[in-house]
Protein backbone atom coordinates (compact mmCIF):
# COMPACT_ATOMS: atom_id res chain seq x y z
CA MET A 1 -0.06 -0.28 -0.04
CA THR A 2 1.48 3.16 -1.02
CA SER A 3 2.02 5.72 1.68
CA ASP A 4 -1.04 8.23 0.54
CA GLN A 5 -3.41 5.78 0.90
CA THR A 6 -5.31 4.08 4.23
CA ASP A 7 -6.45 1.14 2.05
CA SER A 8 -6.80 0.17 -1.59
CA SER A 9 -9.89 1.87 -2.07
CA THR A 10 -9.75 5.04 -0.41
CA PRO A 11 -7.09 7.66 -1.60
CA VAL A 12 -5.84 9.98 0.18
CA GLU A 13 -4.79 13.71 -0.87
CA ALA A 14 -1.32 14.32 -1.50
CA PRO A 15 0.10 16.97 1.03
CA ASP A 16 0.00 20.06 -0.47
CA ASP A 17 3.71 20.06 -0.65
CA LEU A 18 3.45 17.49 -3.35
CA SER A 19 1.14 19.64 -6.05
CA GLY A 20 2.53 20.59 -9.13
CA THR A 21 5.12 17.42 -9.38
CA ILE A 22 4.56 14.17 -11.08
CA TRP A 23 3.75 12.54 -7.57
CA SER A 24 0.26 11.32 -8.71
CA GLU A 25 1.18 8.92 -11.72
CA VAL A 26 4.43 7.68 -9.45
CA ASP A 27 1.70 6.81 -6.92
CA ARG A 28 -0.22 4.74 -9.75
CA ALA A 29 2.79 2.88 -11.34
CA LEU A 30 3.76 1.68 -7.93
CA SER A 31 0.25 0.90 -6.45
CA GLY A 32 1.14 -2.23 -4.03
CA VAL A 33 4.68 -1.17 -3.40
CA THR A 34 5.62 0.24 -0.42
CA VAL A 35 6.68 4.28 -0.83
CA ARG A 36 6.77 7.39 0.92
CA PRO A 37 7.67 10.95 -1.09
CA GLU A 38 9.42 13.86 -0.81
CA ARG A 39 9.35 17.13 -2.59
CA GLY A 40 12.99 17.33 -3.31
CA VAL A 41 14.65 21.07 -4.45
CA ILE A 42 14.53 19.92 -8.15
CA ASP A 43 12.32 16.93 -8.47
CA LEU A 44 10.43 14.51 -6.53
CA ILE A 45 11.90 11.69 -4.50
CA VAL A 46 10.48 8.57 -3.43
CA HIS A 47 11.56 6.15 -1.05
CA ILE A 48 11.46 2.73 -1.71
CA PRO A 49 12.23 -0.38 0.60
CA ALA A 50 15.86 -1.83 -0.56
CA ASP A 51 13.92 -5.36 -1.20
CA GLU A 52 10.97 -3.49 -3.09
CA VAL A 53 13.59 -1.38 -5.38
CA ILE A 54 14.23 -2.91 -8.15
CA GLY A 55 10.35 -3.97 -8.83
CA GLY A 56 9.70 -0.12 -8.19
CA LEU A 57 12.14 1.05 -10.83
CA ARG A 58 11.14 -1.59 -13.55
CA ARG A 59 7.41 -0.09 -13.08
CA LEU A 60 9.20 3.55 -13.65
CA LYS A 61 10.81 2.75 -16.47
CA THR A 62 8.17 -0.25 -18.20
CA ASP A 63 4.87 2.61 -17.38
CA GLU A 64 3.75 4.43 -20.42
CA THR A 65 2.59 7.62 -18.46
CA LEU A 66 5.96 7.78 -16.87
CA ASP A 67 8.59 6.02 -19.02
CA PHE A 68 11.82 6.55 -17.28
CA ASN A 69 13.73 5.00 -20.08
CA TYR A 70 17.27 6.68 -18.91
CA LEU A 71 19.33 6.44 -15.63
CA ARG A 72 20.78 9.37 -15.02
CA CYS A 73 22.88 8.47 -12.28
CA LEU A 74 23.26 5.78 -9.61
CA THR A 75 25.05 6.68 -6.60
CA ALA A 76 25.12 6.30 -2.64
CA VAL A 77 25.11 8.54 0.47
CA ASP A 78 26.94 7.79 3.54
CA LEU A 79 24.18 8.51 6.38
CA GLU A 80 26.73 7.23 8.84
CA ALA A 81 24.75 4.86 11.90
CA ASP A 82 21.61 5.29 9.44
CA GLY A 83 23.04 3.31 7.18
CA MET A 84 23.32 4.02 3.37
CA ASP A 85 20.78 5.33 0.81
CA VAL A 86 21.57 4.22 -2.79
CA VAL A 87 20.03 6.95 -4.72
CA TYR A 88 19.13 6.18 -8.32
CA HIS A 89 18.40 9.87 -10.59
CA LEU A 90 15.85 8.83 -13.28
CA TYR A 91 14.80 10.75 -16.54
CA SER A 92 12.31 10.37 -19.14
CA THR A 93 13.74 11.33 -21.80
CA ASN A 94 10.53 11.52 -24.45
CA LYS A 95 8.12 13.12 -21.16
CA LYS A 96 10.97 15.50 -20.13
CA HIS A 97 10.56 14.81 -16.39
CA ASN A 98 12.85 13.55 -13.38
CA LEU A 99 11.97 11.27 -10.71
CA THR A 100 14.86 10.39 -7.25
CA VAL A 101 14.58 6.87 -6.20
CA LYS A 102 16.05 6.20 -2.74
CA ALA A 103 16.71 2.92 -1.18
CA ARG A 104 17.68 2.99 2.87
CA LEU A 105 20.47 0.01 3.38
CA GLY A 106 21.55 -0.80 7.29
CA ASN A 107 25.13 -0.99 7.80
CA ASP A 108 25.07 -4.32 8.66
CA ASN A 109 24.10 -5.21 4.94
CA LEU A 110 25.23 -3.09 2.36
CA ARG A 111 23.74 -5.43 -0.37
CA LEU A 112 21.23 -4.81 -2.81
CA ASP A 113 19.93 -6.63 -6.00
CA THR A 114 21.07 -5.27 -9.54
CA ALA A 115 19.40 -2.66 -11.22
CA THR A 116 21.36 -4.04 -14.66
CA THR A 117 18.44 -6.01 -15.34
CA VAL A 118 16.15 -2.60 -16.03
CA TRP A 119 19.16 -0.43 -17.31
CA LYS A 120 22.57 -1.44 -18.91
CA ALA A 121 23.46 1.61 -17.89
CA ALA A 122 23.70 0.75 -14.13
CA ASN A 123 26.74 -2.00 -14.70
CA TRP A 124 28.99 1.15 -14.54
CA LEU A 125 27.58 3.08 -12.19
CA GLU A 126 27.01 0.32 -9.51
CA ARG A 127 30.57 -1.24 -10.05
CA GLU A 128 31.94 2.62 -9.08
CA THR A 129 29.11 2.42 -6.21
CA ALA A 130 30.82 -0.60 -4.71
CA GLU A 131 34.60 0.30 -5.30
CA MET A 132 33.89 3.97 -3.23
CA PHE A 133 31.28 2.94 -0.75
CA GLY A 134 31.12 -1.17 -0.29
CA ILE A 135 28.00 -1.94 -1.45
CA ARG A 136 27.28 -5.19 -2.82
CA PHE A 137 25.01 -5.24 -5.85
CA ASN A 138 23.18 -9.31 -5.66
CA GLY A 139 23.16 -10.47 -9.59
CA HIS A 140 25.62 -7.58 -11.33
CA PRO A 141 27.13 -9.31 -14.25
CA ASP A 142 30.87 -8.01 -14.01
CA PRO A 143 31.70 -6.88 -10.41
CA ARG A 144 35.36 -6.20 -11.37
CA THR A 145 37.14 -2.82 -10.18
CA LEU A 146 37.42 0.40 -12.24
CA LEU A 147 39.24 2.67 -10.13
CA MET A 148 40.46 0.92 -7.16
CA PRO A 149 43.67 -1.72 -6.86
CA GLU A 150 41.48 -5.10 -6.96
CA ASP A 151 43.43 -6.54 -4.09
CA MET A 152 42.12 -3.04 -1.74
CA THR A 153 38.85 -4.30 -0.66
CA ASP A 154 38.58 -2.84 2.55
CA THR A 155 38.37 1.00 2.39
CA PHE A 156 36.23 2.77 0.56
CA PRO A 157 36.64 6.39 -0.71
CA LEU A 158 33.44 8.20 -0.42
CA ARG A 159 32.55 6.74 3.14
CA LYS A 160 32.43 8.88 6.10
CA SER A 161 34.84 7.05 8.09
CA HIS A 162 37.64 6.93 5.11
CA PRO A 163 40.72 7.77 7.07
CA LEU A 164 41.82 10.47 4.64
CA GLN A 165 37.89 12.39 5.00
CA GLU A 166 39.13 15.17 7.24
CA ILE A 167 41.90 15.75 5.10
CA GLU A 168 40.17 15.98 2.17
CA ILE A 169 37.54 18.50 4.12
CA LEU A 170 40.56 20.78 5.04
CA GLN A 171 41.95 20.61 1.49
CA GLY A 172 38.53 21.90 0.60
CA GLU A 173 37.93 24.71 2.85
CA GLY A 174 38.34 28.21 1.20
CA MET A 175 37.28 26.88 -2.45
CA GLY A 176 33.94 28.23 -2.52
CA TYR A 177 32.20 30.90 -4.60
CA PRO A 178 33.27 34.59 -3.52
CA GLU A 179 30.19 36.49 -2.78
CA GLU A 180 28.56 38.09 -5.17
CA GLY A 181 29.15 41.60 -5.80
CA GLU A 182 32.99 41.55 -4.36
């Protein structure tokens, strides 16, 4: 059951902050999938549980109204003690709309089914995400490393716990844009 329905026959109005988004179409396409919507700065964000995300992504791609035929990006966000979000940025080249899908993984199980069964482009993106964050994609057709040495399996450069994280922050200090008018 979706988050804006009390049961399958009684729809509830989407919150006002989702007006003007494609939420109603996404909600329809993901009927039967657990989903929580949120308004993002640029596009709609939907949170789908890890065990349902691939089925949800497949529906979003094949739904004629939504037609998310392009996986723009697949990455992760380290939420430290709260786990990691795997983030899928979707775009419809025909309908010209965006959607962000997030699936939360607990730190005790950083595994998720591969999205290569939905978009072939997920191959490269999942390999990079595996190396940078340590997330493993079940059923991935080619889990070789892309950037890191093959024997380096115990460090993940984009995790907040990475030993060089503090140095990277210090190196970036003062690199922001100058204030307008200066």
